[in-house]
Protein backbone atom coordinates (compact mmCIF):
# COMPACT_ATOMS: atom_id res chain seq x y z
CA VAL A 1 -8.52 -33.60 -24.35
CA GLY A 2 -5.76 -33.81 -21.73
CA TYR A 3 -5.85 -32.89 -17.90
CA ALA A 4 -5.59 -29.81 -15.58
CA ASP A 5 -5.15 -29.64 -12.23
CA PHE A 6 -6.42 -27.09 -9.55
CA THR A 7 -6.60 -26.69 -5.92
CA THR A 8 -9.16 -24.69 -4.00
CA LEU A 9 -8.13 -22.71 -1.10
CA PRO A 10 -8.54 -24.23 2.37
CA ALA A 11 -12.13 -23.39 4.26
CA ILE A 12 -11.42 -21.41 7.26
CA HIS A 13 -12.19 -23.46 10.20
CA MET A 14 -10.44 -22.03 13.33
CA ASP A 15 -10.64 -20.48 16.80
CA GLY A 16 -11.36 -16.83 16.81
CA VAL A 17 -12.82 -16.48 12.97
CA VAL A 18 -15.99 -14.15 13.07
CA ASP A 19 -17.87 -14.91 9.86
CA LEU A 20 -20.30 -11.93 8.95
CA SER A 21 -20.29 -12.96 4.80
CA ASP A 22 -24.02 -14.43 5.69
CA ILE A 23 -25.44 -10.91 7.36
CA GLN A 24 -27.07 -8.52 4.39
CA GLY A 25 -28.80 -5.25 4.28
CA ARG A 26 -26.40 -4.15 7.20
CA PRO A 27 -23.33 -2.52 5.36
CA GLU A 28 -22.25 -0.87 9.36
CA VAL A 29 -22.16 -4.55 10.20
CA LEU A 30 -17.94 -4.25 10.66
CA GLU A 31 -17.75 -1.30 12.33
CA ASP A 32 -20.38 -2.76 14.65
CA THR A 33 -18.48 -5.63 15.14
CA LEU A 34 -14.82 -4.11 15.18
CA PRO A 35 -14.80 -3.22 19.11
CA ALA A 36 -16.56 -6.00 19.81
CA VAL A 37 -14.06 -9.19 18.68
CA ALA A 38 -11.69 -10.67 20.90
CA ALA A 39 -7.96 -9.85 20.27
CA GLY A 40 -6.18 -12.40 17.28
CA SER A 41 -9.44 -12.49 15.57
CA THR A 42 -10.09 -12.73 11.80
CA ILE A 43 -13.39 -11.18 10.78
CA LEU A 44 -14.17 -12.47 6.75
CA LEU A 45 -16.47 -10.26 4.36
CA ARG A 46 -18.96 -11.35 2.10
CA ARG A 47 -17.49 -11.01 -1.41
CA GLY A 48 -19.20 -8.53 -3.36
CA TYR A 49 -20.60 -6.56 -0.53
CA THR A 50 -19.96 -3.12 0.63
CA TYR A 51 -18.97 -2.29 3.95
CA THR A 52 -19.32 1.31 5.44
CA LEU A 53 -17.11 2.95 8.37
CA SER A 54 -18.36 6.39 8.80
CA SER A 55 -17.07 6.63 12.07
CA GLY A 56 -13.10 6.32 13.38
CA TYR A 57 -11.98 3.38 15.15
CA ALA A 58 -9.12 2.85 17.62
CA VAL A 59 -7.57 -0.55 16.99
CA ASP A 60 -6.38 -2.13 20.36
CA LYS A 61 -5.96 -5.50 19.43
CA SER A 62 -4.55 -8.08 16.85
CA LEU A 63 -6.94 -8.34 13.67
CA THR A 64 -7.12 -9.45 10.64
CA ILE A 65 -9.97 -8.26 7.95
CA MET A 66 -10.26 -10.52 5.01
CA SER A 67 -12.81 -11.36 2.04
CA LYS A 68 -14.12 -15.08 2.53
CA PRO A 69 -12.32 -17.70 0.48
CA GLY A 70 -14.43 -17.55 -2.91
CA PHE A 71 -14.39 -16.64 -6.56
CA GLU A 72 -16.29 -13.20 -6.58
CA PRO A 73 -14.87 -9.81 -6.24
CA ASP A 74 -13.30 -8.72 -3.15
CA ALA A 75 -15.53 -7.32 -0.53
CA MET A 76 -15.26 -3.67 -0.37
CA ILE A 77 -15.00 -1.34 2.82
CA TRP A 78 -15.94 2.48 2.26
CA LEU A 79 -14.67 4.98 4.72
CA GLN A 80 -16.87 7.70 5.05
CA GLY A 81 -17.19 11.31 5.83
CA GLY A 82 -13.54 11.61 6.97
CA THR A 83 -13.16 8.68 8.55
CA ALA A 84 -9.73 6.95 9.14
CA LEU A 85 -8.59 4.09 11.68
CA ASP A 86 -6.33 4.74 14.29
CA PHE A 87 -4.57 3.09 17.33
CA ALA A 88 -5.62 3.09 21.03
CA ASP A 89 -3.72 5.36 23.17
CA GLY A 90 -0.73 3.36 24.28
CA SER A 91 -1.61 0.22 22.74
CA GLN A 92 0.81 -2.66 22.06
CA VAL A 93 -0.46 -4.83 19.13
CA ASP A 94 1.30 -7.57 17.17
CA SER A 95 -0.77 -7.30 13.58
CA LEU A 96 -3.11 -5.40 11.81
CA LYS A 97 -3.60 -7.04 8.23
CA PHE A 98 -6.27 -6.41 5.41
CA ASP A 99 -6.21 -9.64 3.02
CA GLN A 100 -7.97 -9.69 -0.52
CA VAL A 101 -10.41 -6.34 0.77
CA SER A 102 -10.85 -3.70 -1.58
CA LEU A 103 -10.75 -0.21 0.44
CA TYR A 104 -12.19 2.82 -0.89
CA GLY A 105 -12.67 6.73 0.33
CA ASP A 106 -12.78 10.37 -0.57
CA TYR A 107 -9.59 11.91 -2.28
CA ASP A 108 -9.57 14.97 0.17
CA ASN A 109 -10.67 13.65 3.32
CA ASN A 110 -9.78 10.05 4.28
CA TYR A 111 -7.17 7.78 5.28
CA VAL A 112 -7.40 4.07 6.28
CA LEU A 113 -4.63 4.62 9.10
CA ASN A 114 -4.58 8.40 10.33
CA ILE A 115 -2.55 7.49 13.51
CA SER A 116 -2.58 10.36 16.69
CA LYS A 117 -1.98 8.10 19.58
CA PRO A 118 1.39 6.66 20.84
CA THR A 119 1.32 3.13 20.04
CA THR A 120 3.40 -0.32 19.50
CA VAL A 121 3.04 -2.09 16.17
CA SER A 122 4.79 -5.76 15.00
CA LYS A 123 2.90 -5.70 11.74
CA ILE A 124 0.93 -3.61 9.95
CA ILE A 125 -0.30 -5.63 6.10
CA PHE A 126 -2.00 -4.85 3.53
CA ASN A 127 -2.15 -8.25 1.06
CA GLU A 128 -3.72 -8.36 -2.34
CA CYS A 129 -5.84 -4.88 -1.60
CA THR A 130 -6.78 -2.55 -3.84
CA ILE A 131 -6.51 0.74 -2.29
CA ARG A 132 -8.02 4.17 -4.19
CA ASN A 133 -9.47 7.73 -3.51
CA PHE A 134 -7.45 8.48 -0.30
CA ARG A 135 -6.35 11.82 0.93
CA GLY A 136 -3.44 9.11 2.14
CA ILE A 137 -3.46 5.71 3.03
CA PHE A 138 -1.39 5.58 6.13
CA ARG A 139 -0.31 8.81 8.08
CA ILE A 140 1.27 8.75 11.31
CA LYS A 141 0.54 12.65 13.42
CA ALA A 142 1.33 11.51 16.35
CA SER A 143 3.58 14.01 18.52
CA LYS A 144 4.26 11.07 20.78
CA PRO A 145 6.30 7.69 19.84
CA VAL A 146 4.87 5.31 17.48
CA ASP A 147 7.09 2.54 17.08
CA ILE A 148 6.27 0.08 13.91
CA THR A 149 8.28 -2.69 13.43
CA THR A 150 7.12 -3.57 9.35
CA VAL A 151 4.86 -1.83 7.08
CA THR A 152 4.18 -4.08 4.10
CA TYR A 153 2.33 -3.30 0.79
CA ASN A 154 2.12 -7.04 -1.09
CA ASP A 155 0.13 -7.66 -4.39
CA CYS A 156 -1.45 -4.34 -4.32
CA LEU A 157 -3.17 -2.06 -6.83
CA ILE A 158 -2.99 1.28 -5.67
CA ASP A 159 -4.55 4.41 -7.43
CA SER A 160 -5.53 7.93 -6.51
CA ILE A 161 -4.01 9.07 -3.81
CA ASN A 162 -3.79 12.63 -2.35
CA SER A 163 -1.13 14.72 -0.63
CA TYR A 164 -0.21 12.19 2.14
CA GLY A 165 0.76 9.96 0.30
CA VAL A 166 1.01 6.24 0.16
CA LEU A 167 3.25 6.27 3.47
CA ASP A 168 3.52 9.49 5.40
CA VAL A 169 5.53 9.55 8.70
CA ASP A 170 4.82 12.74 9.79
CA ASN A 171 6.25 13.31 12.96
CA ALA A 172 9.93 13.05 14.37
CA ALA A 173 8.89 10.93 17.20
CA ALA A 174 7.28 7.98 15.03
CA THR A 175 9.43 4.95 13.43
CA VAL A 176 8.43 2.77 11.25
CA HIS A 177 11.71 0.09 10.66
CA GLN A 178 11.31 -1.36 7.46
CA ALA A 179 8.87 -0.61 4.53
CA SER A 180 8.24 -2.84 1.82
CA PHE A 181 6.55 -2.69 -1.40
CA THR A 182 6.24 -6.07 -3.25
CA ASN A 183 4.68 -7.10 -6.39
CA SER A 184 2.52 -4.07 -6.76
CA THR A 185 1.10 -1.05 -8.74
CA LEU A 186 1.13 2.46 -7.60
CA SER A 187 -0.29 4.89 -9.85
CA ASN A 188 -1.46 8.77 -10.04
CA CYS A 189 -0.13 9.29 -6.33
CA GLN A 190 1.13 12.31 -5.06
CA ILE A 191 3.39 11.13 -2.65
CA VAL A 192 4.55 8.03 -2.27
CA LEU A 193 7.04 7.09 0.56
CA VAL A 194 7.82 10.22 2.80
CA SER A 195 9.49 9.96 6.62
CA LYS A 196 10.54 12.68 9.06
CA SER A 197 12.69 9.98 10.68
CA ALA A 198 15.34 7.43 10.10
CA SER A 199 14.48 3.97 8.94
CA ASP A 200 16.37 0.46 8.82
CA ALA A 201 15.01 -0.98 5.17
CA VAL A 202 13.14 0.40 2.54
CA THR A 203 12.80 -2.09 -0.36
CA PHE A 204 10.28 -2.04 -3.97
CA GLN A 205 10.33 -5.06 -5.67
CA SER A 206 8.97 -5.99 -8.54
CA SER A 207 6.25 -2.99 -8.62
CA THR A 208 4.63 -0.81 -11.38
CA ILE A 209 4.89 3.12 -10.14
CA TYR A 210 3.08 5.40 -13.09
CA ASN A 211 2.18 8.81 -12.87
CA SER A 212 4.03 9.17 -8.64
CA PRO A 213 4.91 11.14 -7.57
CA VAL A 214 3.55 14.49 -8.05
CA LYS A 215 5.36 17.30 -9.86
CA GLY A 216 8.73 18.55 -7.58
CA LYS A 217 8.47 15.71 -5.05
CA TYR A 218 10.53 12.82 -4.75
CA LEU A 219 9.71 8.92 -4.94
CA ILE A 220 11.10 8.70 -1.67
CA ASP A 221 11.79 11.29 0.70
CA TYR A 222 13.62 11.28 3.92
CA ASN A 223 14.88 14.14 3.51
CA SER A 224 18.32 14.01 5.65
CA ASN A 225 17.05 10.97 7.61
CA ASP A 226 18.95 7.65 7.11
CA VAL A 227 17.56 4.53 5.65
CA GLY A 228 20.24 1.63 6.50
CA MET A 229 19.09 0.22 2.98
CA VAL A 230 16.99 1.48 -0.01
CA THR A 231 16.31 -1.84 -2.29
CA ILE A 232 14.38 -1.28 -5.85
CA GLN A 233 14.90 -4.22 -7.66
CA SER A 234 12.85 -5.60 -11.01
CA CYS A 235 10.39 -2.41 -10.77
CA VAL A 236 9.18 -0.06 -13.49
CA LEU A 237 9.10 3.99 -13.14
CA GLY A 238 6.62 5.21 -15.87
CA ALA A 239 5.49 8.43 -17.17
CA ALA A 240 5.99 11.45 -14.44
CA ASN A 241 5.90 15.24 -15.03
CA ALA A 242 9.10 16.99 -13.55
CA VAL A 243 9.57 14.20 -10.81
CA LYS A 244 13.10 13.89 -8.41
CA GLY A 245 14.18 10.36 -7.70
CA TYR A 246 15.04 9.90 -3.90
CA ARG A 247 16.19 11.55 -0.88
CA VAL A 248 17.93 10.27 2.03
CA GLY A 249 20.59 10.76 4.86
CA SER A 250 24.29 10.70 3.83
CA ALA A 251 25.09 7.21 5.65
CA SER A 252 22.07 5.46 3.71
CA ALA A 253 23.19 2.35 1.15
CA LEU A 254 21.23 1.66 -1.95
CA LYS A 255 20.52 -1.10 -3.90
CA VAL A 256 19.03 -1.06 -8.07
CA LEU A 257 18.61 -3.97 -9.50
CA GLY A 258 17.16 -4.72 -12.78
CA THR A 259 15.14 -1.72 -12.59
CA TYR A 260 13.69 0.49 -15.94
CA SER A 261 12.12 3.76 -16.55
CA THR A 262 10.27 4.62 -19.51
CA SER A 263 11.49 7.48 -21.67
CA ASP A 264 8.55 9.69 -20.27
CA TYR A 265 9.63 9.47 -16.58
CA ASP A 266 11.14 13.26 -16.58
CA VAL A 267 13.71 13.59 -13.72
CA THR A 268 14.58 16.70 -12.73
CA GLY A 269 16.96 16.20 -10.09
CA ASN A 270 18.19 13.60 -7.19
CA GLN A 271 17.89 10.94 -9.54
CA ILE A 272 17.82 7.55 -8.74
CA PRO A 273 21.36 5.85 -9.45
CA GLY A 274 21.52 2.41 -11.51
CA VAL A 275 18.26 3.08 -13.16
CA THR A 276 18.18 2.12 -16.75
CA LEU A 277 16.38 4.40 -19.35
CA TYR A 278 14.48 2.32 -21.95
CA ASN A 279 13.59 4.48 -25.34
CA ALA A 280 10.22 3.97 -25.38
CA GLY A 281 7.31 5.93 -23.66
CA SER A 282 4.63 4.53 -21.03
CA ASP A 283 2.35 4.51 -23.82
CA GLU A 284 4.22 2.18 -25.98
CA VAL A 285 5.60 0.63 -23.16
CA PHE A 286 1.79 -0.12 -21.46
CA LYS A 287 -1.67 -1.31 -22.75
CA ASP A 288 -3.72 1.43 -21.86
CA ALA A 289 -1.82 2.92 -18.76
CA ALA A 290 -4.09 6.34 -18.32
CA ALA A 291 -7.01 3.67 -17.92
CA GLY A 292 -5.16 1.54 -15.70
CA ASP A 293 -3.94 -1.20 -17.55
CA PHE A 294 -0.14 -1.48 -17.09
CA THR A 295 0.27 -4.68 -19.43
CA ILE A 296 3.46 -4.70 -21.10
CA GLN A 297 2.83 -4.59 -24.58
CA ASP A 298 6.12 -3.89 -25.64
CA PRO A 299 7.53 -7.08 -26.90
CA ASN A 300 11.44 -5.73 -26.35
CA PHE A 301 10.69 -4.86 -22.70
CA PRO A 302 12.23 -6.83 -19.70
CA ALA A 303 9.88 -8.73 -17.55
CA VAL A 304 9.90 -6.45 -14.65
CA GLY A 305 7.15 -4.88 -12.70
CA ASP A 306 4.30 -6.09 -11.14
CA PRO A 307 3.75 -9.59 -12.18
CA ARG A 308 0.41 -9.18 -13.26
CA TRP A 309 1.10 -7.04 -16.11
CA LEU A 310 3.59 -9.31 -17.76
CA ASN A 311 2.54 -11.83 -20.52
């Protein structure tokens, strides 16, 4: 006896929507559609369906790729055979957004984005995405200028990322001005954030980080390059093997608030000041970390980290 209120997501009926959700039996339809749609288009994918990308595409316009609103599992985009997205030479793009999709690749070969050409992009957004099994999620290797204002991972599950990491600015000619990780879980990532150039801001907020980075690597590594402000707030740093904390230029600022590490978060150098050591290991704090279940089972652990795991 009682009442419960529910609000459904609004229907998407607007100019610029390309709805692929009724097309079945053609997993390559997304790949065929990308070059054909107009700038600013939103491409809707069928939930529970797998789309394949078997050759690269150079983005030259604003795009949103998302699962159509519904209740089934997110659409999956499977990048095959060394495929990665790039940006077109000299392109100027307002935004590229992945929204409520699962992205899968090959741990030894694939990237989601591997930028090899000069470009200017305002926003790159991963929102409510599951991202697994990539050599790197987002790498900039271009030797000519690449200027990206913001890179955002929000409400994402990220797992099993190889040596080019979650975000790798791999050339000094490239700049990511602001990088943000919010309400997300990063597990089993050999590299998290590396940059060969300065940034204005780096933010980790309300996120759970487990077995990341790999032994001897830094969670945040800018070498001698400055970051205007590094903010780490309401995060959990779980089990890690002989890792290092952060490395930034001497003119950088750091703010750490309400962030905890488990007792098996083994840091051998460059510790992040302000992180509170908790007196229990990951197996005690999380329900089943090895299986990717980071539900907080310890009743005494603070209510921090990725909100999806809070009781």
